[in-house]
Protein backbone atom coordinates (compact mmCIF):
# COMPACT_ATOMS: atom_id res chain seq x y z
CA UNK A 1 0.00 0.00 0.00
CA UNK A 2 1.44 3.32 -1.06
CA UNK A 3 1.80 6.12 1.46
CA UNK A 4 0.36 9.51 0.68
CA UNK A 5 2.69 12.49 0.42
CA UNK A 6 1.64 13.77 3.86
CA UNK A 7 2.36 10.37 5.45
CA UNK A 8 5.75 10.19 3.76
CA UNK A 9 6.59 13.72 4.87
CA UNK A 10 5.56 13.02 8.45
CA UNK A 11 7.54 9.79 8.53
CA UNK A 12 10.62 11.52 7.10
CA UNK A 13 10.41 14.33 9.66
CA UNK A 14 10.07 11.78 12.48
CA UNK A 15 13.20 9.98 11.29
CA UNK A 16 15.10 13.27 11.09
CA UNK A 17 14.01 14.16 14.64
CA UNK A 18 15.12 10.72 15.82
CA UNK A 19 18.53 11.23 14.19
CA UNK A 20 18.99 14.62 15.87
CA UNK A 21 17.93 13.20 19.25
CA UNK A 22 20.37 10.32 18.91
CA UNK A 23 23.24 12.66 17.98
CA UNK A 24 22.46 15.02 20.86
CA UNK A 25 22.27 12.12 23.30
CA UNK A 26 25.65 10.88 22.09
CA UNK A 27 27.18 14.32 22.49
CA UNK A 28 25.81 14.64 26.02
CA UNK A 29 27.25 11.27 26.97
CA UNK A 30 30.66 11.87 25.39
CA UNK A 31 31.26 15.36 26.77
CA UNK A 32 33.94 14.26 29.19
CA UNK A 33 34.30 12.05 32.19
CA UNK A 34 33.21 12.74 35.77
CA UNK A 35 32.93 16.51 35.89
CA UNK A 36 32.66 18.32 39.19
CA UNK A 37 30.63 21.02 37.45
CA UNK A 38 27.08 20.54 38.75
CA UNK A 39 25.52 22.50 35.88
CA UNK A 40 27.06 20.15 33.31
CA UNK A 41 26.02 17.12 35.37
CA UNK A 42 22.45 18.42 35.62
CA UNK A 43 22.30 18.96 31.85
CA UNK A 44 23.59 15.41 31.28
CA UNK A 45 21.03 13.98 33.72
CA UNK A 46 18.20 15.90 32.07
CA UNK A 47 19.37 14.68 28.66
CA UNK A 48 19.47 11.07 29.87
CA UNK A 49 16.01 11.36 31.37
CA UNK A 50 14.60 12.90 28.19
CA UNK A 51 16.21 10.28 25.97
CA UNK A 52 14.99 7.38 28.16
CA UNK A 53 11.42 8.71 28.16
CA UNK A 54 11.55 9.39 24.42
CA UNK A 55 12.86 5.88 23.74
CA UNK A 56 10.15 4.30 25.88
CA UNK A 57 7.43 6.23 24.05
CA UNK A 58 8.95 5.41 20.67
CA UNK A 59 9.08 1.68 21.45
CA UNK A 60 5.35 1.65 22.10
CA UNK A 61 4.41 3.49 18.90
CA UNK A 62 7.16 2.54 16.45
CA UNK A 63 5.19 -0.21 14.68
CA UNK A 64 2.33 1.95 13.38
PDB file of N, CA and C in Angstrom:
ATOM      1  N   UNK A   1       0.844  -1.178   0.000  1.00  0.00           N
ATOM      2  CA  UNK A   1       0.000   0.000   0.000  1.00  0.00           C
ATOM      3  C   UNK A   1       0.892   1.245   0.000  1.00  0.00           C
ATOM      4  N   UNK A   2       0.632   2.120  -0.901  1.00  0.00           N
ATOM      5  CA  UNK A   2       1.442   3.318  -1.062  1.00  0.00           C
ATOM      6  C   UNK A   2       1.044   4.381  -0.037  1.00  0.00           C
ATOM      7  N   UNK A   3       2.055   5.038   0.510  1.00  0.00           N
ATOM      8  CA  UNK A   3       1.797   6.121   1.457  1.00  0.00           C
ATOM      9  C   UNK A   3       1.499   7.404   0.700  1.00  0.00           C
ATOM     10  N   UNK A   4       0.631   8.213   1.271  1.00  0.00           N
ATOM     11  CA  UNK A   4       0.360   9.515   0.680  1.00  0.00           C
ATOM     12  C   UNK A   4       1.550  10.428   0.954  1.00  0.00           C
ATOM     13  N   UNK A   5       1.588  11.538   0.240  1.00  0.00           N
ATOM     14  CA  UNK A   5       2.685  12.491   0.423  1.00  0.00           C
ATOM     15  C   UNK A   5       2.771  12.965   1.869  1.00  0.00           C
ATOM     16  N   UNK A   6       1.627  13.266   2.479  1.00  0.00           N
ATOM     17  CA  UNK A   6       1.645  13.771   3.858  1.00  0.00           C
ATOM     18  C   UNK A   6       2.163  12.708   4.827  1.00  0.00           C
ATOM     19  N   UNK A   7       1.834  11.439   4.593  1.00  0.00           N
ATOM     20  CA  UNK A   7       2.357  10.374   5.451  1.00  0.00           C
ATOM     21  C   UNK A   7       3.858  10.203   5.261  1.00  0.00           C
ATOM     22  N   UNK A   8       4.321  10.289   4.026  1.00  0.00           N
ATOM     23  CA  UNK A   8       5.753  10.188   3.760  1.00  0.00           C
ATOM     24  C   UNK A   8       6.513  11.349   4.390  1.00  0.00           C
ATOM     25  N   UNK A   9       5.957  12.548   4.281  1.00  0.00           N
ATOM     26  CA  UNK A   9       6.593  13.724   4.870  1.00  0.00           C
ATOM     27  C   UNK A   9       6.668  13.593   6.386  1.00  0.00           C
ATOM     28  N   UNK A  10       5.572  13.190   7.002  1.00  0.00           N
ATOM     29  CA  UNK A  10       5.558  13.022   8.455  1.00  0.00           C
ATOM     30  C   UNK A  10       6.543  11.964   8.915  1.00  0.00           C
ATOM     31  N   UNK A  11       6.605  10.864   8.194  1.00  0.00           N
ATOM     32  CA  UNK A  11       7.538   9.792   8.527  1.00  0.00           C
ATOM     33  C   UNK A  11       8.982  10.262   8.378  1.00  0.00           C
ATOM     34  N   UNK A  12       9.268  10.996   7.323  1.00  0.00           N
ATOM     35  CA  UNK A  12      10.618  11.520   7.102  1.00  0.00           C
ATOM     36  C   UNK A  12      11.016  12.491   8.208  1.00  0.00           C
ATOM     37  N   UNK A  13      10.117  13.373   8.583  1.00  0.00           N
ATOM     38  CA  UNK A  13      10.411  14.328   9.658  1.00  0.00           C
ATOM     39  C   UNK A  13      10.640  13.608  10.982  1.00  0.00           C
ATOM     40  N   UNK A  14       9.880  12.554  11.247  1.00  0.00           N
ATOM     41  CA  UNK A  14      10.071  11.783  12.476  1.00  0.00           C
ATOM     42  C   UNK A  14      11.444  11.118  12.491  1.00  0.00           C
ATOM     43  N   UNK A  15      11.879  10.598  11.353  1.00  0.00           N
ATOM     44  CA  UNK A  15      13.201   9.981  11.286  1.00  0.00           C
ATOM     45  C   UNK A  15      14.307  11.024  11.461  1.00  0.00           C
ATOM     46  N   UNK A  16      14.122  12.198  10.914  1.00  0.00           N
ATOM     47  CA  UNK A  16      15.104  13.274  11.089  1.00  0.00           C
ATOM     48  C   UNK A  16      15.178  13.688  12.555  1.00  0.00           C
ATOM     49  N   UNK A  17      14.025  13.813  13.214  1.00  0.00           N
ATOM     50  CA  UNK A  17      14.011  14.158  14.638  1.00  0.00           C
ATOM     51  C   UNK A  17      14.720  13.076  15.447  1.00  0.00           C
ATOM     52  N   UNK A  18      14.477  11.819  15.118  1.00  0.00           N
ATOM     53  CA  UNK A  18      15.122  10.717  15.818  1.00  0.00           C
ATOM     54  C   UNK A  18      16.636  10.779  15.640  1.00  0.00           C
ATOM     55  N   UNK A  19      17.092  11.098  14.441  1.00  0.00           N
ATOM     56  CA  UNK A  19      18.525  11.231  14.188  1.00  0.00           C
ATOM     57  C   UNK A  19      19.129  12.347  15.040  1.00  0.00           C
ATOM     58  N   UNK A  20      18.482  13.510  15.059  1.00  0.00           N
ATOM     59  CA  UNK A  20      18.990  14.619  15.875  1.00  0.00           C
ATOM     60  C   UNK A  20      19.016  14.253  17.356  1.00  0.00           C
ATOM     61  N   UNK A  21      17.968  13.594  17.841  1.00  0.00           N
ATOM     62  CA  UNK A  21      17.925  13.202  19.246  1.00  0.00           C
ATOM     63  C   UNK A  21      19.036  12.219  19.582  1.00  0.00           C
ATOM     64  N   UNK A  22      19.311  11.289  18.681  1.00  0.00           N
ATOM     65  CA  UNK A  22      20.375  10.317  18.907  1.00  0.00           C
ATOM     66  C   UNK A  22      21.740  11.000  18.931  1.00  0.00           C
ATOM     67  N   UNK A  23      21.967  11.930  18.024  1.00  0.00           N
ATOM     68  CA  UNK A  23      23.241  12.656  17.981  1.00  0.00           C
ATOM     69  C   UNK A  23      23.417  13.492  19.249  1.00  0.00           C
ATOM     70  N   UNK A  24      22.380  14.194  19.657  1.00  0.00           N
ATOM     71  CA  UNK A  24      22.462  15.025  20.863  1.00  0.00           C
ATOM     72  C   UNK A  24      22.721  14.161  22.085  1.00  0.00           C
ATOM     73  N   UNK A  25      22.040  13.014  22.170  1.00  0.00           N
ATOM     74  CA  UNK A  25      22.270  12.118  23.302  1.00  0.00           C
ATOM     75  C   UNK A  25      23.721  11.643  23.317  1.00  0.00           C
ATOM     76  N   UNK A  26      24.250  11.294  22.164  1.00  0.00           N
ATOM     77  CA  UNK A  26      25.647  10.876  22.088  1.00  0.00           C
ATOM     78  C   UNK A  26      26.604  11.974  22.510  1.00  0.00           C
ATOM     79  N   UNK A  27      26.319  13.200  22.103  1.00  0.00           N
ATOM     80  CA  UNK A  27      27.176  14.325  22.492  1.00  0.00           C
ATOM     81  C   UNK A  27      27.114  14.583  23.992  1.00  0.00           C
ATOM     82  N   UNK A  28      25.931  14.453  24.576  1.00  0.00           N
ATOM     83  CA  UNK A  28      25.805  14.644  26.019  1.00  0.00           C
ATOM     84  C   UNK A  28      26.587  13.579  26.777  1.00  0.00           C
ATOM     85  N   UNK A  29      26.567  12.358  26.286  1.00  0.00           N
ATOM     86  CA  UNK A  29      27.254  11.273  26.970  1.00  0.00           C
ATOM     87  C   UNK A  29      28.767  11.353  26.787  1.00  0.00           C
ATOM     88  N   UNK A  30      29.226  11.876  25.675  1.00  0.00           N
ATOM     89  CA  UNK A  30      30.661  11.871  25.392  1.00  0.00           C
ATOM     90  C   UNK A  30      31.350  13.170  25.784  1.00  0.00           C
ATOM     91  N   UNK A  31      30.670  14.046  26.473  1.00  0.00           N
ATOM     92  CA  UNK A  31      31.257  15.356  26.774  1.00  0.00           C
ATOM     93  C   UNK A  31      32.150  15.326  28.011  1.00  0.00           C
ATOM     94  N   UNK A  32      32.969  14.311  28.107  1.00  0.00           N
ATOM     95  CA  UNK A  32      33.935  14.264  29.191  1.00  0.00           C
ATOM     96  C   UNK A  32      33.564  13.254  30.257  1.00  0.00           C
ATOM     97  N   UNK A  33      34.531  12.982  31.107  1.00  0.00           N
ATOM     98  CA  UNK A  33      34.297  12.046  32.194  1.00  0.00           C
ATOM     99  C   UNK A  33      33.713  12.780  33.388  1.00  0.00           C
ATOM    100  N   UNK A  34      33.820  12.189  34.546  1.00  0.00           N
ATOM    101  CA  UNK A  34      33.214  12.737  35.768  1.00  0.00           C
ATOM    102  C   UNK A  34      33.627  14.190  35.999  1.00  0.00           C
ATOM    103  N   UNK A  35      32.704  15.090  35.675  1.00  0.00           N
ATOM    104  CA  UNK A  35      32.930  16.512  35.887  1.00  0.00           C
ATOM    105  C   UNK A  35      32.441  16.897  37.272  1.00  0.00           C
ATOM    106  N   UNK A  36      33.116  17.800  37.905  1.00  0.00           N
ATOM    107  CA  UNK A  36      32.665  18.323  39.188  1.00  0.00           C
ATOM    108  C   UNK A  36      31.697  19.478  38.993  1.00  0.00           C
ATOM    109  N   UNK A  37      31.525  19.917  37.764  1.00  0.00           N
ATOM    110  CA  UNK A  37      30.628  21.018  37.454  1.00  0.00           C
ATOM    111  C   UNK A  37      29.185  20.528  37.547  1.00  0.00           C
ATOM    112  N   UNK A  38      28.443  21.036  38.529  1.00  0.00           N
ATOM    113  CA  UNK A  38      27.084  20.542  38.746  1.00  0.00           C
ATOM    114  C   UNK A  38      26.132  20.958  37.633  1.00  0.00           C
ATOM    115  N   UNK A  39      26.390  22.076  36.983  1.00  0.00           N
ATOM    116  CA  UNK A  39      25.525  22.505  35.880  1.00  0.00           C
ATOM    117  C   UNK A  39      25.628  21.505  34.727  1.00  0.00           C
ATOM    118  N   UNK A  40      26.845  21.127  34.381  1.00  0.00           N
ATOM    119  CA  UNK A  40      27.056  20.148  33.308  1.00  0.00           C
ATOM    120  C   UNK A  40      26.425  18.813  33.687  1.00  0.00           C
ATOM    121  N   UNK A  41      26.610  18.379  34.925  1.00  0.00           N
ATOM    122  CA  UNK A  41      26.020  17.116  35.368  1.00  0.00           C
ATOM    123  C   UNK A  41      24.500  17.164  35.309  1.00  0.00           C
ATOM    124  N   UNK A  42      23.906  18.289  35.676  1.00  0.00           N
ATOM    125  CA  UNK A  42      22.452  18.416  35.615  1.00  0.00           C
ATOM    126  C   UNK A  42      21.950  18.377  34.176  1.00  0.00           C
ATOM    127  N   UNK A  43      22.677  18.997  33.265  1.00  0.00           N
ATOM    128  CA  UNK A  43      22.296  18.956  31.850  1.00  0.00           C
ATOM    129  C   UNK A  43      22.385  17.522  31.330  1.00  0.00           C
ATOM    130  N   UNK A  44      23.448  16.807  31.696  1.00  0.00           N
ATOM    131  CA  UNK A  44      23.589  15.410  31.280  1.00  0.00           C
ATOM    132  C   UNK A  44      22.447  14.559  31.837  1.00  0.00           C
ATOM    133  N   UNK A  45      22.117  14.751  33.110  1.00  0.00           N
ATOM    134  CA  UNK A  45      21.034  13.979  33.723  1.00  0.00           C
ATOM    135  C   UNK A  45      19.696  14.273  33.060  1.00  0.00           C
ATOM    136  N   UNK A  46      19.446  15.538  32.754  1.00  0.00           N
ATOM    137  CA  UNK A  46      18.203  15.902  32.070  1.00  0.00           C
ATOM    138  C   UNK A  46      18.168  15.287  30.675  1.00  0.00           C
ATOM    139  N   UNK A  47      19.294  15.294  29.983  1.00  0.00           N
ATOM    140  CA  UNK A  47      19.365  14.677  28.661  1.00  0.00           C
ATOM    141  C   UNK A  47      19.122  13.182  28.716  1.00  0.00           C
ATOM    142  N   UNK A  48      19.700  12.515  29.711  1.00  0.00           N
ATOM    143  CA  UNK A  48      19.472  11.075  29.869  1.00  0.00           C
ATOM    144  C   UNK A  48      18.011  10.774  30.160  1.00  0.00           C
ATOM    145  N   UNK A  49      17.416  11.561  31.029  1.00  0.00           N
ATOM    146  CA  UNK A  49      16.010  11.364  31.372  1.00  0.00           C
ATOM    147  C   UNK A  49      15.114  11.570  30.161  1.00  0.00           C
ATOM    148  N   UNK A  50      15.383  12.623  29.401  1.00  0.00           N
ATOM    149  CA  UNK A  50      14.603  12.896  28.188  1.00  0.00           C
ATOM    150  C   UNK A  50      14.742  11.747  27.201  1.00  0.00           C
ATOM    151  N   UNK A  51      15.977  11.314  26.965  1.00  0.00           N
ATOM    152  CA  UNK A  51      16.209  10.276  25.966  1.00  0.00           C
ATOM    153  C   UNK A  51      15.569   8.955  26.378  1.00  0.00           C
ATOM    154  N   UNK A  52      15.617   8.613  27.679  1.00  0.00           N
ATOM    155  CA  UNK A  52      14.988   7.378  28.159  1.00  0.00           C
ATOM    156  C   UNK A  52      13.482   7.445  27.963  1.00  0.00           C
ATOM    157  N   UNK A  53      12.867   8.556  28.333  1.00  0.00           N
ATOM    158  CA  UNK A  53      11.423   8.710  28.162  1.00  0.00           C
ATOM    159  C   UNK A  53      11.049   8.672  26.690  1.00  0.00           C
ATOM    160  N   UNK A  54      11.804   9.364  25.863  1.00  0.00           N
ATOM    161  CA  UNK A  54      11.549   9.390  24.421  1.00  0.00           C
ATOM    162  C   UNK A  54      11.658   7.985  23.835  1.00  0.00           C
ATOM    163  N   UNK A  55      12.678   7.236  24.246  1.00  0.00           N
ATOM    164  CA  UNK A  55      12.865   5.875  23.741  1.00  0.00           C
ATOM    165  C   UNK A  55      11.722   4.965  24.162  1.00  0.00           C
ATOM    166  N   UNK A  56      11.267   5.110  25.404  1.00  0.00           N
ATOM    167  CA  UNK A  56      10.147   4.299  25.882  1.00  0.00           C
ATOM    168  C   UNK A  56       8.880   4.591  25.095  1.00  0.00           C
ATOM    169  N   UNK A  57       8.616   5.851  24.827  1.00  0.00           N
ATOM    170  CA  UNK A  57       7.428   6.229  24.053  1.00  0.00           C
ATOM    171  C   UNK A  57       7.553   5.703  22.628  1.00  0.00           C
ATOM    172  N   UNK A  58       8.731   5.838  22.047  1.00  0.00           N
ATOM    173  CA  UNK A  58       8.950   5.414  20.665  1.00  0.00           C
ATOM    174  C   UNK A  58       8.780   3.903  20.521  1.00  0.00           C
ATOM    175  N   UNK A  59       9.219   3.135  21.506  1.00  0.00           N
ATOM    176  CA  UNK A  59       9.081   1.680  21.451  1.00  0.00           C
ATOM    177  C   UNK A  59       7.621   1.268  21.387  1.00  0.00           C
ATOM    178  N   UNK A  60       6.768   1.989  22.077  1.00  0.00           N
ATOM    179  CA  UNK A  60       5.351   1.650  22.097  1.00  0.00           C
ATOM    180  C   UNK A  60       4.624   2.017  20.825  1.00  0.00           C
ATOM    181  N   UNK A  61       5.139   2.987  20.066  1.00  0.00           N
ATOM    182  CA  UNK A  61       4.415   3.489  18.901  1.00  0.00           C
ATOM    183  C   UNK A  61       5.179   3.316  17.599  1.00  0.00           C
ATOM    184  N   UNK A  62       6.294   2.624  17.624  1.00  0.00           N
ATOM    185  CA  UNK A  62       7.156   2.543  16.450  1.00  0.00           C
ATOM    186  C   UNK A  62       6.573   1.663  15.345  1.00  0.00           C
ATOM    187  N   UNK A  63       5.684   0.750  15.666  1.00  0.00           N
ATOM    188  CA  UNK A  63       5.187  -0.205  14.678  1.00  0.00           C
ATOM    189  C   UNK A  63       3.907   0.229  14.000  1.00  0.00           C
ATOM    190  N   UNK A  64       3.567   1.486  14.017  1.00  0.00           N
ATOM    191  CA  UNK A  64       2.330   1.951  13.379  1.00  0.00           C
ATOM    192  C   UNK A  64       2.458   1.992  11.887  1.00  0.00           C
TER     193      UNK A  64
END
